[in-house]
Amino acid sequence: MSRRFKNRIEEKNLIISLPMKVYRFISYNFKVFKKNAKLWRVEHRGMNYGDGAYETIRVYDGWIFAFKDHIERLKRSLKVLKIDFPVNEEKIEKEIMKLLKLNRVKNCAVRIVITRGNGLGLPPPKGTPDISIMLVDIDKKIEDYQKKGIKAIFVENTRLYDFSIRGAKTINFLPNILASIEFEKMGAQEGIFVTHEGFVAEGTTSNIFFVKNGVLKTPHLDIGILAGITRKFIIEIAKEERIPVEEGFYKKEEVLSADEVFISSTTREIVPLVVIDEKKIADGKTGLLTTALLSAFKKKVLIK
């Protein structure tokens, strides 16, 4: 095998894989443990049913970005899932700051998971919900993605958007996992869900935007997609910059013919999609509006 070909394979694998490193100390029910501690019982509902909600929050230089927005969404998710857990915003914030200090890290992601606790069976037995908080590193390759863009594929009929839990950020992630296996097999880095009606919805771990004739467009929340926190800030920034914004119901063809396409998420911020289903978006390079929005977003996260 030639070195050039080997390097291409290694580069491809490097781009596809986004391993998440959990830092050494975690919190379980507001007590600190090492991450390899045995904390969950075999009848834990999170493990057996995916019965819980979660949030991923970004920390920049020791500052928890959009903390209140994430906590409010977490509360809404728990309400939808009928998990009775008293979310104490101040207590959670203090626990995150404690973990940042113990792990000696200032830039990372925070993953908060709240489940219904232990107990098998349906309806669920009366139990005590639990909360886990852990710190996860941010992959350094994301900066390269933001400059060069990534590939995506459309994933059809994999996830339904008419469930009673629509809008909740749940730990039941199997459709997203299956879609990730599919896009990895195709040499892409994201999968974009398309509903049964043929409407573009969202990515496996992101929201999607596209630009056409100077108008910033994104799927409407009524499709059943998650109300992304980064999505919200991008729309606000666009309006501040007097960029026309439209939320609607779009087919694949509209996205494929766009001038620019990008995804947004807490950990990746804004990342251009330069190829979808092997088709170049415009000239296959990061668009000017995408670059401008990313720059404006980075400035916003530095304002404390």
Protein backbone atom coordinates (compact mmCIF):
# COMPACT_ATOMS: atom_id res chain seq x y z
CA MET A 1 0.00 0.00 0.00
CA SER A 2 1.44 3.38 -0.99
CA ARG A 3 2.03 5.97 1.72
CA ARG A 4 -0.16 8.46 -0.17
CA PHE A 5 -3.11 6.03 -0.28
CA LYS A 6 -2.60 5.07 3.37
CA ASN A 7 -2.60 8.74 4.38
CA ARG A 8 -5.87 9.28 2.48
CA ILE A 9 -7.50 6.40 4.38
CA GLU A 10 -6.23 7.69 7.73
CA GLU A 11 -7.44 11.20 6.89
CA LYS A 12 -10.87 9.86 5.93
CA ASN A 13 -11.18 7.90 9.15
CA LEU A 14 -9.99 10.89 11.14
CA ILE A 15 -12.67 13.10 9.62
CA ILE A 16 -15.50 10.63 10.15
CA SER A 17 -14.67 9.68 13.72
CA LEU A 18 -15.53 12.09 16.53
CA PRO A 19 -14.58 10.24 19.72
CA MET A 20 -15.84 11.87 22.90
CA LYS A 21 -13.42 11.88 25.81
CA VAL A 22 -15.08 12.11 29.23
CA TYR A 23 -12.92 13.85 31.79
CA ARG A 24 -11.81 12.02 34.95
CA PHE A 25 -14.31 13.32 37.50
CA ILE A 26 -18.09 13.15 37.01
CA SER A 27 -21.10 13.99 39.18
CA TYR A 28 -23.93 11.60 40.04
CA ASN A 29 -26.79 12.99 42.11
CA PHE A 30 -24.53 15.88 43.07
CA LYS A 31 -21.74 13.69 44.44
CA VAL A 32 -18.39 13.50 42.69
CA PHE A 33 -17.02 10.17 41.46
CA LYS A 34 -14.29 8.99 39.13
CA LYS A 35 -15.75 8.24 35.71
CA ASN A 36 -15.10 4.47 36.01
CA ALA A 37 -17.15 4.16 39.21
CA LYS A 38 -20.00 1.62 39.09
CA LEU A 39 -23.07 3.77 39.70
CA TRP A 40 -25.99 2.26 37.74
CA ARG A 41 -27.95 -0.88 38.57
CA VAL A 42 -28.88 -3.41 35.88
CA GLU A 43 -32.55 -2.36 36.10
CA HIS A 44 -31.73 1.28 35.45
CA ARG A 45 -34.39 2.75 33.16
CA GLY A 46 -31.93 4.84 31.21
CA MET A 47 -30.05 1.72 30.18
CA ASN A 48 -33.13 -0.48 29.59
CA TYR A 49 -35.56 1.97 28.03
CA GLY A 50 -33.70 5.13 27.10
CA ASP A 51 -36.05 6.71 29.63
CA GLY A 52 -34.57 10.16 30.19
CA ALA A 53 -33.61 13.57 28.86
CA TYR A 54 -30.29 15.30 28.35
CA GLU A 55 -28.59 18.54 27.44
CA THR A 56 -25.16 19.30 26.00
CA ILE A 57 -23.82 22.71 26.99
CA ARG A 58 -20.67 24.49 25.83
CA VAL A 59 -18.09 26.01 28.17
CA TYR A 60 -15.83 28.73 26.81
CA ASP A 61 -12.85 29.73 28.97
CA GLY A 62 -14.68 28.68 32.12
CA TRP A 63 -17.95 30.40 31.14
CA ILE A 64 -21.08 28.30 30.62
CA PHE A 65 -22.65 29.56 27.40
CA ALA A 66 -26.45 29.89 27.11
CA PHE A 67 -26.88 28.07 30.42
CA LYS A 68 -30.40 29.36 31.14
CA ASP A 69 -31.59 28.45 27.64
CA HIS A 70 -30.36 24.88 28.06
CA ILE A 71 -31.87 24.54 31.53
CA GLU A 72 -35.26 25.79 30.31
CA ARG A 73 -35.21 23.29 27.46
CA LEU A 74 -34.25 20.53 29.90
CA LYS A 75 -37.26 21.43 32.03
CA ARG A 76 -39.53 21.27 28.97
CA SER A 77 -38.12 17.87 28.01
CA LEU A 78 -38.74 16.48 31.51
CA LYS A 79 -42.29 17.83 31.43
CA VAL A 80 -42.98 16.10 28.10
CA LEU A 81 -41.48 12.83 29.44
CA LYS A 82 -43.41 13.19 32.71
CA ILE A 83 -40.26 12.83 34.79
CA ASP A 84 -40.74 14.63 38.09
CA PHE A 85 -37.29 16.02 38.82
CA PRO A 86 -36.85 19.42 40.51
CA VAL A 87 -34.29 21.16 38.29
CA ASN A 88 -32.30 23.48 40.55
CA GLU A 89 -30.50 25.83 38.17
CA GLU A 90 -28.14 27.25 40.78
CA LYS A 91 -27.24 23.82 42.15
CA ILE A 92 -26.47 22.44 38.68
CA GLU A 93 -24.35 25.46 37.81
CA LYS A 94 -22.31 25.08 41.01
CA GLU A 95 -21.78 21.38 40.27
CA ILE A 96 -20.52 22.18 36.77
CA MET A 97 -18.09 24.77 38.14
CA LYS A 98 -16.88 22.20 40.68
CA LEU A 99 -16.20 19.68 37.91
CA LEU A 100 -14.38 22.30 35.82
CA LYS A 101 -12.07 22.95 38.77
CA LEU A 102 -11.52 19.27 39.63
CA ASN A 103 -10.83 18.33 36.02
CA ARG A 104 -8.69 21.42 35.45
CA VAL A 105 -10.43 22.31 32.20
CA LYS A 106 -11.86 25.59 30.90
CA ASN A 107 -13.02 24.70 27.39
CA CYS A 108 -15.26 21.67 26.98
CA ALA A 109 -18.82 20.45 26.68
CA VAL A 110 -21.07 19.57 29.63
CA ARG A 111 -23.45 16.65 29.32
CA ILE A 112 -26.38 16.60 31.76
CA VAL A 113 -28.51 13.45 31.83
CA ILE A 114 -31.66 13.05 33.92
CA THR A 115 -33.44 9.68 33.92
CA ARG A 116 -36.47 8.20 35.65
CA GLY A 117 -34.08 6.13 37.78
CA ASN A 118 -34.28 2.43 38.59
CA GLY A 119 -37.09 -0.07 38.06
CA LEU A 120 -38.22 -2.32 35.23
CA GLY A 121 -41.74 -2.50 33.87
CA LEU A 122 -44.53 -0.52 32.23
CA PRO A 123 -46.04 1.69 33.45
CA PRO A 124 -42.86 2.74 35.22
CA PRO A 125 -42.75 2.01 38.95
CA LYS A 126 -42.59 4.91 41.36
CA GLY A 127 -38.90 5.59 41.69
CA THR A 128 -36.41 8.37 42.24
CA PRO A 129 -35.07 10.14 39.14
CA ASP A 130 -31.32 10.67 38.96
CA ILE A 131 -28.96 13.20 37.41
CA SER A 132 -25.51 12.73 35.91
CA ILE A 133 -23.18 15.55 34.93
CA MET A 134 -19.96 14.97 33.03
CA LEU A 135 -17.44 17.04 31.09
CA VAL A 136 -16.52 16.06 27.54
CA ASP A 137 -13.69 17.42 25.42
CA ILE A 138 -14.24 19.36 22.19
CA ASP A 139 -12.71 17.73 19.14
CA LYS A 140 -10.02 19.99 17.67
CA LYS A 141 -10.89 18.86 14.12
CA ILE A 142 -14.08 20.92 14.33
CA GLU A 143 -12.08 24.08 13.52
CA ASP A 144 -10.93 22.41 10.30
CA TYR A 145 -14.52 21.44 9.48
CA GLN A 146 -15.59 25.05 9.95
CA LYS A 147 -13.03 26.21 7.37
CA LYS A 148 -13.31 23.47 4.75
CA GLY A 149 -16.82 22.12 5.28
CA ILE A 150 -18.03 18.53 5.45
CA LYS A 151 -20.09 16.01 3.50
CA ALA A 152 -23.60 14.87 4.39
CA ILE A 153 -26.24 12.49 3.11
CA PHE A 154 -30.01 12.57 3.31
CA VAL A 155 -31.52 9.85 5.49
CA GLU A 156 -35.14 9.09 4.65
CA ASN A 157 -37.86 7.41 6.72
CA THR A 158 -35.51 6.75 9.62
CA ARG A 159 -37.06 9.01 12.22
CA LEU A 160 -40.71 9.94 12.73
CA TYR A 161 -41.69 13.46 13.69
CA ASP A 162 -45.23 12.86 14.91
CA PHE A 163 -44.40 11.26 18.27
CA SER A 164 -45.98 12.62 21.45
CA ILE A 165 -42.42 13.34 22.65
CA ARG A 166 -41.66 15.71 19.77
CA GLY A 167 -39.48 18.62 20.81
CA ALA A 168 -38.02 16.78 23.83
CA LYS A 169 -34.28 16.10 23.89
CA THR A 170 -34.29 12.46 24.95
CA ILE A 171 -31.55 9.89 25.49
CA ASN A 172 -33.47 7.47 23.24
CA PHE A 173 -31.09 7.98 20.33
CA LEU A 174 -31.31 4.80 18.25
CA PRO A 175 -32.58 6.43 15.00
CA ASN A 176 -29.67 8.89 15.16
CA ILE A 177 -27.18 6.10 15.83
CA LEU A 178 -28.42 4.07 12.87
CA ALA A 179 -28.24 7.16 10.66
CA SER A 180 -24.66 7.81 11.81
CA ILE A 181 -23.67 4.28 10.80
CA GLU A 182 -25.22 4.95 7.40
CA PHE A 183 -23.46 8.27 6.78
CA GLU A 184 -20.12 6.90 7.98
CA LYS A 185 -20.45 4.01 5.51
CA MET A 186 -20.92 6.62 2.76
CA GLY A 187 -17.82 8.57 3.79
CA ALA A 188 -19.85 11.53 5.09
CA GLN A 189 -19.82 13.32 8.44
CA GLU A 190 -23.51 14.03 9.00
CA GLY A 191 -26.90 12.65 8.09
CA ILE A 192 -29.86 14.91 7.38
CA PHE A 193 -33.26 13.41 8.24
CA VAL A 194 -36.12 13.71 5.76
CA THR A 195 -39.67 13.13 7.02
CA HIS A 196 -42.16 10.71 5.52
CA GLU A 197 -43.77 13.69 3.80
CA GLY A 198 -40.44 14.49 2.13
CA PHE A 199 -39.53 17.56 4.18
CA VAL A 200 -35.95 18.21 5.25
CA ALA A 201 -35.88 18.13 9.05
CA GLU A 202 -32.56 18.18 10.92
CA GLY A 203 -29.21 16.46 11.27
CA THR A 204 -28.48 13.50 13.53
CA THR A 205 -26.91 15.90 16.02
CA SER A 206 -27.58 19.29 14.45
CA ASN A 207 -30.01 21.73 12.89
CA ILE A 208 -29.72 22.66 9.22
CA PHE A 209 -29.77 26.02 7.45
CA PHE A 210 -29.42 27.01 3.82
CA VAL A 211 -29.07 30.26 1.91
CA LYS A 212 -30.88 31.10 -1.32
CA ASN A 213 -30.74 34.52 -2.98
CA GLY A 214 -29.60 36.16 0.25
CA VAL A 215 -32.37 34.63 2.41
CA LEU A 216 -31.40 32.40 5.34
CA LYS A 217 -33.78 29.43 5.51
CA THR A 218 -34.25 26.69 8.10
CA PRO A 219 -36.89 24.01 8.73
CA HIS A 220 -39.86 25.08 10.86
CA LEU A 221 -40.16 23.74 14.40
CA ASP A 222 -43.63 22.44 13.52
CA ILE A 223 -41.95 19.65 11.56
CA GLY A 224 -41.12 18.24 14.98
CA ILE A 225 -37.42 19.05 15.04
CA LEU A 226 -35.50 19.96 18.15
CA ALA A 227 -35.41 23.66 18.98
CA GLY A 228 -31.64 23.97 18.92
CA ILE A 229 -30.07 26.55 21.21
CA THR A 230 -27.39 27.40 18.64
CA ARG A 231 -30.15 27.52 16.01
CA LYS A 232 -31.92 30.16 18.10
CA PHE A 233 -28.79 32.31 18.39
CA ILE A 234 -28.06 32.08 14.66
CA ILE A 235 -31.57 33.34 13.84
CA GLU A 236 -31.12 36.20 16.33
CA ILE A 237 -27.74 37.14 14.86
CA ALA A 238 -29.13 37.07 11.32
CA LYS A 239 -31.97 39.40 12.29
CA GLU A 240 -29.54 41.74 14.05
CA GLU A 241 -27.51 41.87 10.81
CA ARG A 242 -30.71 42.46 8.79
CA ILE A 243 -30.39 39.15 6.97
CA PRO A 244 -33.84 37.92 5.90
CA VAL A 245 -34.79 34.74 7.79
CA GLU A 246 -37.42 32.23 6.76
CA GLU A 247 -38.63 29.13 8.63
CA GLY A 248 -40.56 26.74 6.43
CA PHE A 249 -41.13 23.31 4.93
CA TYR A 250 -38.51 22.46 2.33
CA LYS A 251 -37.83 19.51 0.04
CA LYS A 252 -34.40 18.04 -0.66
CA GLU A 253 -34.21 19.68 -4.07
CA GLU A 254 -34.42 23.14 -2.51
CA VAL A 255 -31.48 22.41 -0.24
CA LEU A 256 -29.40 20.83 -3.00
CA SER A 257 -29.89 23.92 -5.20
CA ALA A 258 -28.99 26.36 -2.40
CA ASP A 259 -26.17 28.88 -2.58
CA GLU A 260 -24.87 27.77 0.85
CA VAL A 261 -25.78 25.09 3.40
CA PHE A 262 -24.59 24.66 6.96
CA ILE A 263 -25.43 22.82 10.16
CA SER A 264 -25.44 24.13 13.72
CA SER A 265 -24.97 22.50 17.10
CA THR A 266 -23.62 23.22 20.56
CA THR A 267 -20.28 21.48 20.04
CA ARG A 268 -19.75 22.28 16.35
CA GLU A 269 -21.24 25.81 16.37
CA ILE A 270 -21.57 26.37 12.59
CA VAL A 271 -20.15 23.93 10.04
CA PRO A 272 -20.65 24.28 6.27
CA LEU A 273 -22.06 21.41 4.21
CA VAL A 274 -20.20 21.52 0.91
CA VAL A 275 -21.40 18.17 -0.48
CA ILE A 276 -24.75 16.41 0.06
CA ASP A 277 -25.49 13.04 -1.52
CA GLU A 278 -22.31 13.40 -3.62
CA LYS A 279 -23.60 16.69 -5.08
CA LYS A 280 -21.59 19.87 -4.57
CA ILE A 281 -23.41 22.77 -2.99
CA ALA A 282 -22.78 25.72 -5.33
CA ASP A 283 -18.99 25.69 -5.91
CA GLY A 284 -18.33 23.20 -3.12
CA LYS A 285 -16.70 25.77 -0.86
CA THR A 286 -17.68 27.52 2.36
CA GLY A 287 -20.06 30.39 1.59
CA LEU A 288 -19.59 34.04 2.51
CA LEU A 289 -22.75 34.29 4.61
CA THR A 290 -21.88 31.09 6.48
CA THR A 291 -18.43 32.51 7.29
CA ALA A 292 -19.93 35.81 8.43
CA LEU A 293 -22.47 34.11 10.70
CA LEU A 294 -19.78 31.91 12.25
CA SER A 295 -17.63 34.96 12.93
CA ALA A 296 -20.57 36.79 14.52
CA PHE A 297 -21.44 33.73 16.61
CA LYS A 298 -17.88 33.39 17.91
CA LYS A 299 -17.96 37.05 18.94
CA LYS A 300 -21.24 36.49 20.79
CA VAL A 301 -19.87 33.61 22.86
CA LEU A 302 -17.02 35.82 24.00
CA ILE A 303 -19.47 38.36 25.48
CA LYS A 304 -20.00 37.43 29.12
